[in-house]
N, C-alpha and C. Protein backbone atom coordinates (compact mmCIF):
# COMPACT_ATOMS: atom_id res chain seq x y z
N MET A 1 16.94 37.65 -32.79
CA MET A 1 16.45 36.86 -31.68
C MET A 1 14.85 37.07 -31.56
N ALA A 2 14.26 35.91 -31.23
CA ALA A 2 12.84 36.01 -30.99
C ALA A 2 12.54 35.14 -29.72
N SER A 3 11.34 35.30 -29.17
CA SER A 3 10.95 34.57 -27.98
C SER A 3 9.76 33.74 -28.38
N CYS A 4 9.73 32.45 -27.93
CA CYS A 4 8.61 31.57 -28.20
C CYS A 4 7.46 32.15 -27.30
N PRO A 5 6.27 32.30 -27.86
CA PRO A 5 5.15 32.74 -27.02
C PRO A 5 4.62 31.62 -26.12
N GLU A 6 5.01 30.43 -26.24
CA GLU A 6 4.47 29.35 -25.45
C GLU A 6 5.46 29.12 -24.23
N CYS A 7 6.73 28.95 -24.49
CA CYS A 7 7.65 28.56 -23.38
C CYS A 7 8.62 29.77 -23.05
N HIS A 8 8.64 30.81 -23.85
CA HIS A 8 9.41 31.95 -23.72
C HIS A 8 10.90 31.69 -23.82
N THR A 9 11.26 30.70 -24.49
CA THR A 9 12.70 30.48 -24.83
C THR A 9 13.12 31.34 -25.90
N GLU A 10 14.27 31.93 -25.83
CA GLU A 10 14.73 32.91 -26.88
C GLU A 10 15.57 32.04 -27.80
N PHE A 11 15.43 32.31 -29.17
CA PHE A 11 16.22 31.66 -30.12
C PHE A 11 16.26 32.48 -31.35
N SER A 12 17.21 32.18 -32.27
CA SER A 12 17.31 32.88 -33.52
C SER A 12 16.85 31.92 -34.60
N ALA A 13 16.27 32.47 -35.67
CA ALA A 13 15.83 31.76 -36.87
C ALA A 13 16.33 32.51 -38.03
N PRO A 14 17.58 32.36 -38.42
CA PRO A 14 18.12 33.10 -39.49
C PRO A 14 17.62 32.83 -40.88
N ASN A 15 16.94 31.66 -41.09
CA ASN A 15 16.46 31.23 -42.39
C ASN A 15 15.01 31.75 -42.65
N VAL A 16 14.42 32.46 -41.66
CA VAL A 16 12.99 32.91 -41.80
C VAL A 16 13.09 34.20 -42.65
N SER A 17 12.27 34.19 -43.76
CA SER A 17 12.30 35.35 -44.65
C SER A 17 10.86 35.86 -44.96
N THR A 18 9.79 35.10 -44.60
CA THR A 18 8.52 35.59 -44.96
C THR A 18 7.53 35.54 -43.81
N VAL A 19 6.59 36.55 -43.82
CA VAL A 19 5.55 36.51 -42.82
C VAL A 19 4.57 35.36 -43.25
N SER A 20 3.98 34.77 -42.24
CA SER A 20 3.09 33.57 -42.22
C SER A 20 3.79 32.25 -42.36
N GLU A 21 5.16 32.25 -42.40
CA GLU A 21 5.94 31.05 -42.41
C GLU A 21 5.73 30.34 -41.10
N ILE A 22 5.66 29.07 -41.01
CA ILE A 22 5.53 28.28 -39.87
C ILE A 22 6.83 27.62 -39.47
N ILE A 23 7.29 27.85 -38.16
CA ILE A 23 8.55 27.28 -37.72
C ILE A 23 8.20 26.51 -36.44
N GLU A 24 9.05 25.77 -35.99
CA GLU A 24 8.84 25.00 -34.71
C GLU A 24 9.87 25.43 -33.63
N CYS A 25 9.42 25.66 -32.48
CA CYS A 25 10.28 25.99 -31.38
C CYS A 25 11.12 24.74 -31.05
N GLY A 26 12.43 24.92 -30.96
CA GLY A 26 13.29 23.78 -30.70
C GLY A 26 13.30 23.24 -29.28
N ASP A 27 12.62 24.00 -28.38
CA ASP A 27 12.59 23.65 -26.97
C ASP A 27 11.33 22.88 -26.65
N CYS A 28 10.15 23.58 -26.96
CA CYS A 28 8.83 23.01 -26.57
C CYS A 28 8.11 22.38 -27.74
N HIS A 29 8.63 22.49 -28.98
CA HIS A 29 8.13 21.93 -30.18
C HIS A 29 6.67 22.47 -30.64
N SER A 30 6.39 23.69 -30.16
CA SER A 30 5.22 24.39 -30.57
C SER A 30 5.37 24.87 -32.00
N GLU A 31 4.31 24.84 -32.75
CA GLU A 31 4.30 25.46 -34.11
C GLU A 31 4.02 26.89 -33.96
N LEU A 32 4.96 27.71 -34.56
CA LEU A 32 4.88 29.15 -34.42
C LEU A 32 4.75 29.79 -35.81
N GLU A 33 3.96 30.90 -35.88
CA GLU A 33 3.79 31.58 -37.14
C GLU A 33 4.58 32.87 -37.05
N VAL A 34 5.35 33.16 -38.13
CA VAL A 34 6.15 34.40 -38.27
C VAL A 34 5.14 35.48 -38.47
N VAL A 35 5.03 36.52 -37.61
CA VAL A 35 4.14 37.67 -37.85
C VAL A 35 4.94 38.95 -38.18
N GLY A 36 6.24 38.87 -38.13
CA GLY A 36 7.09 40.03 -38.47
C GLY A 36 8.52 39.45 -38.73
N VAL A 37 9.24 40.06 -39.73
CA VAL A 37 10.55 39.55 -39.96
C VAL A 37 11.69 40.62 -39.51
N SER A 38 11.34 41.80 -39.37
CA SER A 38 12.40 42.77 -39.00
C SER A 38 11.74 43.83 -37.99
N PRO A 39 11.89 43.47 -36.75
CA PRO A 39 12.50 42.32 -36.09
C PRO A 39 11.69 41.12 -36.16
N LEU A 40 12.23 40.00 -35.86
CA LEU A 40 11.51 38.71 -35.89
C LEU A 40 10.49 38.72 -34.74
N ARG A 41 9.28 38.51 -35.12
CA ARG A 41 8.21 38.37 -34.22
C ARG A 41 7.42 37.06 -34.42
N LEU A 42 7.06 36.28 -33.41
CA LEU A 42 6.40 35.04 -33.53
C LEU A 42 5.08 35.00 -32.71
N ALA A 43 4.13 34.26 -33.27
CA ALA A 43 2.85 34.00 -32.56
C ALA A 43 2.55 32.52 -32.65
N THR A 44 1.77 32.02 -31.77
CA THR A 44 1.31 30.55 -31.82
C THR A 44 0.54 30.40 -33.12
N ALA A 45 0.93 29.38 -33.96
CA ALA A 45 0.30 29.09 -35.19
C ALA A 45 -1.14 28.70 -34.89
N PRO A 46 -2.04 29.13 -35.74
CA PRO A 46 -3.49 28.69 -35.57
C PRO A 46 -3.65 27.26 -35.85
N GLU A 47 -4.59 26.58 -35.11
CA GLU A 47 -4.91 25.20 -35.43
C GLU A 47 -5.68 25.10 -36.78
N ILE A 48 -5.39 24.03 -37.49
CA ILE A 48 -6.06 23.83 -38.73
C ILE A 48 -7.39 23.05 -38.43
N GLU A 49 -8.51 23.62 -38.86
CA GLU A 49 -9.82 23.03 -38.44
C GLU A 49 -10.36 22.33 -39.67
N GLU A 50 -11.14 21.29 -39.47
CA GLU A 50 -11.81 20.57 -40.59
C GLU A 50 -12.99 21.39 -41.04
N ASP A 51 -13.26 21.43 -42.30
CA ASP A 51 -14.49 22.22 -42.73
C ASP A 51 -15.57 21.18 -43.13
N TRP A 52 -15.32 19.86 -43.19
CA TRP A 52 -16.22 18.85 -43.45
C TRP A 52 -17.02 19.12 -44.75
N GLY A 53 -16.45 19.70 -45.75
CA GLY A 53 -17.04 19.91 -47.01
C GLY A 53 -17.91 21.11 -47.10
N GLU A 54 -17.81 21.97 -46.16
CA GLU A 54 -18.74 23.10 -46.03
C GLU A 54 -18.14 24.20 -46.98
């Protein structure tokens, strides 16, 4: 079981196996990054920023 850092809904994600994997909260639809797998720990996924060719 893990808790969404945005809406605090608890859910299980049995198919998660790697750190840095992105999953979606089924309740608030936030993108979450897996930061630990045993136990499952989640954080809000970082926003992808444009680099404009830099």
